[in-house]
């Protein structure tokens, strides 16, 4: 993989996830990528992909509003199509050596937990 900017990687991550192109999504993640969020954790790129696949299949795909970058960090504001209306999410991605290494998400999980 050539040199990619943080913004390019964040765009590729969300474009691939929205398209459910998990091979392309895997290409932007470091092998030791980690995810932490209100409803779970994943260690390693393959575990991260499994989680993103489950979200895409169970809830839906992200609709990105904005990506803001600063150096090796990107904050992305997006919405997931929850059954009771869009679920707003803030996502922080950290890039190291040309790949996304850490992803942290924050959102109010209550709409997903109510039945």
N, C-alpha and C. Protein backbone atom coordinates (compact mmCIF):
# COMPACT_ATOMS: atom_id res chain seq x y z
N UNK A 1 0.85 -1.18 0.00
CA UNK A 1 0.00 0.00 0.00
C UNK A 1 0.89 1.23 0.00
N UNK A 2 0.58 2.19 -0.85
CA UNK A 2 1.34 3.43 -0.88
C UNK A 2 0.98 4.33 0.29
N UNK A 3 1.51 5.52 0.26
CA UNK A 3 1.22 6.47 1.31
C UNK A 3 -0.20 6.99 1.14
N UNK A 4 -0.96 6.94 2.20
CA UNK A 4 -2.32 7.45 2.19
C UNK A 4 -2.46 8.50 3.27
N UNK A 5 -3.22 9.53 2.98
CA UNK A 5 -3.48 10.51 4.02
C UNK A 5 -4.54 9.96 4.96
N UNK A 6 -4.62 10.55 6.13
CA UNK A 6 -5.62 10.15 7.10
C UNK A 6 -7.02 10.31 6.52
N UNK A 7 -7.25 11.42 5.81
CA UNK A 7 -8.57 11.65 5.22
C UNK A 7 -8.90 10.59 4.17
N UNK A 8 -7.92 10.23 3.33
CA UNK A 8 -8.14 9.20 2.32
C UNK A 8 -8.50 7.87 2.98
N UNK A 9 -7.78 7.50 4.02
CA UNK A 9 -8.05 6.24 4.71
C UNK A 9 -9.43 6.24 5.35
N UNK A 10 -9.79 7.34 6.01
CA UNK A 10 -11.11 7.42 6.63
C UNK A 10 -12.21 7.32 5.57
N UNK A 11 -12.03 8.01 4.45
CA UNK A 11 -13.01 7.92 3.36
C UNK A 11 -13.11 6.50 2.82
N UNK A 12 -11.98 5.86 2.61
CA UNK A 12 -11.98 4.48 2.10
C UNK A 12 -12.67 3.54 3.09
N UNK A 13 -12.41 3.71 4.37
CA UNK A 13 -13.01 2.89 5.43
C UNK A 13 -14.54 2.98 5.37
N UNK A 14 -15.06 4.20 5.36
CA UNK A 14 -16.51 4.36 5.38
C UNK A 14 -17.16 4.02 4.05
N UNK A 15 -16.49 4.30 2.94
CA UNK A 15 -17.03 3.93 1.64
C UNK A 15 -17.13 2.42 1.51
N UNK A 16 -16.08 1.72 1.93
CA UNK A 16 -16.08 0.26 1.85
C UNK A 16 -17.13 -0.35 2.78
N UNK A 17 -17.24 0.19 3.99
CA UNK A 17 -18.24 -0.32 4.93
C UNK A 17 -19.65 -0.12 4.38
N UNK A 18 -19.93 1.08 3.87
CA UNK A 18 -21.25 1.37 3.31
C UNK A 18 -21.57 0.46 2.13
N UNK A 19 -20.56 0.11 1.35
CA UNK A 19 -20.74 -0.77 0.19
C UNK A 19 -20.71 -2.25 0.59
N UNK A 20 -20.43 -2.51 1.86
CA UNK A 20 -20.25 -3.86 2.37
C UNK A 20 -19.18 -4.61 1.58
N UNK A 21 -18.14 -3.86 1.24
CA UNK A 21 -16.97 -4.42 0.55
C UNK A 21 -15.91 -4.68 1.63
N UNK A 22 -16.02 -5.83 2.28
CA UNK A 22 -15.18 -6.11 3.44
C UNK A 22 -13.73 -6.41 3.09
N UNK A 23 -13.47 -6.81 1.85
CA UNK A 23 -12.07 -6.97 1.42
C UNK A 23 -11.39 -5.61 1.32
N UNK A 24 -12.08 -4.63 0.73
CA UNK A 24 -11.53 -3.27 0.65
C UNK A 24 -11.40 -2.66 2.04
N UNK A 25 -12.34 -2.94 2.89
CA UNK A 25 -12.28 -2.44 4.27
C UNK A 25 -11.08 -3.02 4.99
N UNK A 26 -10.83 -4.29 4.79
CA UNK A 26 -9.68 -4.95 5.43
C UNK A 26 -8.37 -4.31 4.99
N UNK A 27 -8.31 -3.85 3.76
CA UNK A 27 -7.08 -3.25 3.22
C UNK A 27 -6.67 -1.97 3.93
N UNK A 28 -7.60 -1.27 4.58
CA UNK A 28 -7.24 -0.02 5.26
C UNK A 28 -6.92 -0.22 6.73
N UNK A 29 -7.17 -1.44 7.24
CA UNK A 29 -6.92 -1.70 8.66
C UNK A 29 -5.56 -2.35 8.88
N UNK A 30 -4.88 -1.91 9.93
CA UNK A 30 -3.65 -2.57 10.35
C UNK A 30 -4.00 -3.96 10.88
N UNK A 31 -3.08 -4.89 10.76
CA UNK A 31 -3.33 -6.25 11.25
C UNK A 31 -3.72 -6.25 12.73
N UNK A 32 -3.13 -5.35 13.51
CA UNK A 32 -3.39 -5.30 14.95
C UNK A 32 -4.39 -4.20 15.31
N UNK A 33 -5.27 -3.85 14.38
CA UNK A 33 -6.27 -2.82 14.62
C UNK A 33 -7.15 -3.21 15.82
N UNK A 34 -7.59 -2.19 16.55
CA UNK A 34 -8.50 -2.42 17.67
C UNK A 34 -9.71 -1.51 17.54
N UNK A 35 -10.82 -1.99 18.09
CA UNK A 35 -12.05 -1.21 18.15
C UNK A 35 -12.56 -1.24 19.58
N UNK A 36 -13.05 -0.08 20.03
CA UNK A 36 -13.71 0.02 21.33
C UNK A 36 -14.94 0.89 21.14
N UNK A 37 -16.08 0.41 21.66
CA UNK A 37 -17.31 1.18 21.57
C UNK A 37 -18.26 0.79 22.68
N UNK A 38 -19.41 1.45 22.77
CA UNK A 38 -20.35 1.20 23.85
C UNK A 38 -20.88 -0.24 23.93
N UNK A 39 -20.92 -0.92 22.80
CA UNK A 39 -21.50 -2.27 22.80
C UNK A 39 -20.50 -3.39 22.54
N UNK A 40 -19.21 -3.05 22.45
CA UNK A 40 -18.27 -4.13 22.21
C UNK A 40 -16.86 -3.68 21.95
N UNK A 41 -16.01 -4.68 21.86
CA UNK A 41 -14.59 -4.49 21.58
C UNK A 41 -14.15 -5.52 20.56
N UNK A 42 -13.13 -5.18 19.80
CA UNK A 42 -12.54 -6.12 18.85
C UNK A 42 -11.05 -5.89 18.81
N UNK A 43 -10.30 -6.97 18.80
CA UNK A 43 -8.85 -6.91 18.71
C UNK A 43 -8.40 -7.67 17.47
N UNK A 44 -7.70 -6.99 16.58
CA UNK A 44 -7.25 -7.56 15.33
C UNK A 44 -8.18 -7.17 14.20
N UNK A 45 -7.61 -7.02 13.01
CA UNK A 45 -8.39 -6.55 11.86
C UNK A 45 -9.55 -7.48 11.53
N UNK A 46 -9.33 -8.78 11.59
CA UNK A 46 -10.40 -9.71 11.23
C UNK A 46 -11.58 -9.61 12.21
N UNK A 47 -11.30 -9.43 13.49
CA UNK A 47 -12.37 -9.25 14.48
C UNK A 47 -13.09 -7.93 14.25
N UNK A 48 -12.37 -6.90 13.87
CA UNK A 48 -13.00 -5.62 13.54
C UNK A 48 -13.94 -5.78 12.35
N UNK A 49 -13.51 -6.50 11.34
CA UNK A 49 -14.33 -6.73 10.15
C UNK A 49 -15.59 -7.51 10.53
N UNK A 50 -15.46 -8.51 11.38
CA UNK A 50 -16.64 -9.27 11.82
C UNK A 50 -17.66 -8.35 12.47
N UNK A 51 -17.20 -7.44 13.32
CA UNK A 51 -18.10 -6.50 13.99
C UNK A 51 -18.78 -5.56 13.01
N UNK A 52 -18.02 -5.04 12.06
CA UNK A 52 -18.59 -4.13 11.06
C UNK A 52 -19.59 -4.85 10.15
N UNK A 53 -19.29 -6.10 9.83
CA UNK A 53 -20.21 -6.91 9.03
C UNK A 53 -21.52 -7.13 9.81
N UNK A 54 -21.41 -7.43 11.10
CA UNK A 54 -22.61 -7.64 11.93
C UNK A 54 -23.46 -6.37 12.01
N UNK A 55 -22.81 -5.21 12.13
CA UNK A 55 -23.56 -3.95 12.16
C UNK A 55 -24.26 -3.73 10.82
N UNK A 56 -23.54 -3.94 9.72
CA UNK A 56 -24.13 -3.74 8.39
C UNK A 56 -25.33 -4.65 8.18
N UNK A 57 -25.22 -5.90 8.62
CA UNK A 57 -26.30 -6.86 8.41
C UNK A 57 -27.43 -6.70 9.41
N UNK A 58 -27.12 -6.26 10.63
CA UNK A 58 -28.14 -6.18 11.67
C UNK A 58 -28.80 -4.83 11.81
N UNK A 59 -28.07 -3.76 11.54
CA UNK A 59 -28.60 -2.41 11.73
C UNK A 59 -28.67 -1.68 10.40
N UNK A 60 -27.57 -1.68 9.69
CA UNK A 60 -27.49 -0.99 8.40
C UNK A 60 -26.10 -0.42 8.22
N UNK A 61 -25.95 0.35 7.17
CA UNK A 61 -24.63 0.91 6.83
C UNK A 61 -24.59 2.40 7.18
N UNK A 62 -23.39 2.92 7.40
CA UNK A 62 -23.28 4.31 7.82
C UNK A 62 -23.58 5.30 6.71
N UNK A 63 -24.17 6.42 7.11
CA UNK A 63 -24.34 7.56 6.23
C UNK A 63 -23.50 8.69 6.83
N UNK A 64 -22.38 8.97 6.21
CA UNK A 64 -21.41 9.92 6.75
C UNK A 64 -21.85 11.35 6.48
N UNK A 65 -21.77 12.17 7.53
CA UNK A 65 -22.05 13.60 7.40
C UNK A 65 -20.78 14.40 7.22
N UNK A 66 -19.74 14.08 8.02
CA UNK A 66 -18.50 14.85 7.94
C UNK A 66 -17.33 14.01 8.47
N UNK A 67 -16.17 14.23 7.86
CA UNK A 67 -14.92 13.68 8.35
C UNK A 67 -13.98 14.85 8.57
N UNK A 68 -13.48 14.97 9.80
CA UNK A 68 -12.52 16.02 10.14
C UNK A 68 -11.21 15.35 10.54
N UNK A 69 -10.10 15.84 10.00
CA UNK A 69 -8.82 15.22 10.30
C UNK A 69 -7.85 16.22 10.90
N UNK A 70 -6.93 15.67 11.67
CA UNK A 70 -5.84 16.43 12.26
C UNK A 70 -4.67 15.47 12.39
N UNK A 71 -3.67 15.64 11.55
CA UNK A 71 -2.52 14.74 11.58
C UNK A 71 -2.95 13.31 11.30
N UNK A 72 -2.64 12.41 12.23
CA UNK A 72 -2.95 10.99 12.07
C UNK A 72 -4.31 10.59 12.63
N UNK A 73 -5.15 11.57 12.94
CA UNK A 73 -6.44 11.29 13.55
C UNK A 73 -7.58 11.82 12.70
N UNK A 74 -8.68 11.05 12.68
CA UNK A 74 -9.89 11.46 11.97
C UNK A 74 -11.09 11.27 12.89
N UNK A 75 -11.95 12.26 12.92
CA UNK A 75 -13.23 12.13 13.61
C UNK A 75 -14.31 12.13 12.52
N UNK A 76 -15.15 11.13 12.55
CA UNK A 76 -16.21 11.01 11.56
C UNK A 76 -17.56 11.02 12.28
N UNK A 77 -18.44 11.87 11.82
CA UNK A 77 -19.81 11.92 12.33
C UNK A 77 -20.68 11.24 11.29
N UNK A 78 -21.40 10.20 11.72
CA UNK A 78 -22.27 9.49 10.80
C UNK A 78 -23.51 9.01 11.53
N UNK A 79 -24.46 8.52 10.76
CA UNK A 79 -25.69 7.97 11.32
C UNK A 79 -25.88 6.55 10.81
N UNK A 80 -26.41 5.71 11.71
CA UNK A 80 -26.83 4.36 11.34
C UNK A 80 -28.35 4.33 11.34
N UNK A 81 -28.96 3.59 10.42
CA UNK A 81 -30.42 3.58 10.30
C UNK A 81 -31.09 2.66 11.32
N UNK A 82 -31.21 3.11 12.57
CA UNK A 82 -31.87 2.31 13.60
C UNK A 82 -33.38 2.31 13.36
N UNK A 83 -34.07 1.33 13.93
CA UNK A 83 -35.50 1.18 13.67
C UNK A 83 -36.33 2.37 14.16
N UNK A 84 -35.87 3.05 15.22
CA UNK A 84 -36.62 4.20 15.76
C UNK A 84 -36.10 5.53 15.23
N UNK A 85 -35.30 5.50 14.21
CA UNK A 85 -34.75 6.72 13.63
C UNK A 85 -33.23 6.66 13.61
N UNK A 86 -32.61 7.57 12.90
CA UNK A 86 -31.15 7.54 12.74
C UNK A 86 -30.42 7.58 14.09
N UNK A 87 -29.38 6.77 14.19
CA UNK A 87 -28.55 6.71 15.38
C UNK A 87 -27.26 7.47 15.11
N UNK A 88 -27.07 8.66 15.72
CA UNK A 88 -25.85 9.43 15.48
C UNK A 88 -24.65 8.81 16.20
N UNK A 89 -23.52 8.78 15.49
CA UNK A 89 -22.30 8.17 16.01
C UNK A 89 -21.11 9.09 15.73
N UNK A 90 -20.25 9.22 16.73
CA UNK A 90 -18.94 9.87 16.54
C UNK A 90 -17.90 8.77 16.57
N UNK A 91 -17.01 8.78 15.59
CA UNK A 91 -16.01 7.72 15.42
C UNK A 91 -14.63 8.36 15.31
N UNK A 92 -13.70 7.93 16.13
CA UNK A 92 -12.31 8.41 16.06
C UNK A 92 -11.45 7.29 15.50
N UNK A 93 -10.70 7.59 14.46
CA UNK A 93 -9.76 6.65 13.85
C UNK A 93 -8.35 7.22 13.98
N UNK A 94 -7.41 6.36 14.36
CA UNK A 94 -6.01 6.77 14.44
C UNK A 94 -5.20 5.95 13.44
N UNK A 95 -4.40 6.64 12.65
CA UNK A 95 -3.61 6.02 11.59
C UNK A 95 -2.16 5.90 12.02
N UNK A 96 -1.59 4.73 11.77
CA UNK A 96 -0.15 4.51 11.97
C UNK A 96 0.37 3.71 10.78
N UNK A 97 1.49 4.14 10.23
CA UNK A 97 2.16 3.44 9.13
C UNK A 97 1.23 3.18 7.94
N UNK A 98 0.36 4.15 7.63
CA UNK A 98 -0.46 4.07 6.44
C UNK A 98 -1.71 3.22 6.55
N UNK A 99 -2.08 2.83 7.78
CA UNK A 99 -3.30 2.05 7.98
C UNK A 99 -3.99 2.50 9.26
N UNK A 100 -5.28 2.24 9.34
CA UNK A 100 -6.03 2.58 10.55
C UNK A 100 -5.72 1.54 11.62
N UNK A 101 -5.24 2.02 12.77
CA UNK A 101 -4.83 1.11 13.84
C UNK A 101 -5.81 1.08 15.00
N UNK A 102 -6.41 2.23 15.32
CA UNK A 102 -7.36 2.28 16.43
C UNK A 102 -8.65 2.96 15.98
N UNK A 103 -9.77 2.37 16.39
CA UNK A 103 -11.07 2.96 16.13
C UNK A 103 -11.82 2.99 17.46
N UNK A 104 -12.34 4.16 17.78
CA UNK A 104 -13.15 4.33 18.99
C UNK A 104 -14.45 4.98 18.56
N UNK A 105 -15.56 4.43 19.00
CA UNK A 105 -16.87 4.99 18.64
C UNK A 105 -17.63 5.34 19.91
N UNK A 106 -18.41 6.38 19.82
CA UNK A 106 -19.28 6.74 20.93
C UNK A 106 -20.66 7.11 20.39
N UNK A 107 -21.67 6.61 21.08
CA UNK A 107 -23.05 6.88 20.74
C UNK A 107 -23.90 6.44 21.92
N UNK A 108 -25.16 6.84 21.91
CA UNK A 108 -26.11 6.43 22.92
C UNK A 108 -26.69 5.07 22.49
N UNK A 109 -26.36 3.99 23.19
CA UNK A 109 -26.82 2.67 22.74
C UNK A 109 -28.26 2.33 23.11
N UNK A 110 -28.93 3.17 23.88
CA UNK A 110 -30.29 2.82 24.37
C UNK A 110 -31.27 2.47 23.26
N UNK A 111 -31.28 3.17 22.11
CA UNK A 111 -32.24 2.77 21.07
C UNK A 111 -32.01 1.35 20.55
N UNK A 112 -30.79 0.86 20.61
CA UNK A 112 -30.49 -0.49 20.14
C UNK A 112 -30.81 -1.54 21.20
N UNK A 113 -30.84 -1.12 22.46
CA UNK A 113 -31.06 -2.05 23.55
C UNK A 113 -32.53 -2.22 23.92
N UNK A 114 -33.37 -1.25 23.52
CA UNK A 114 -34.79 -1.34 23.85
C UNK A 114 -35.49 -2.30 22.91
N UNK A 115 -36.44 -3.04 23.45
CA UNK A 115 -37.18 -3.99 22.62
C UNK A 115 -38.66 -3.72 22.67
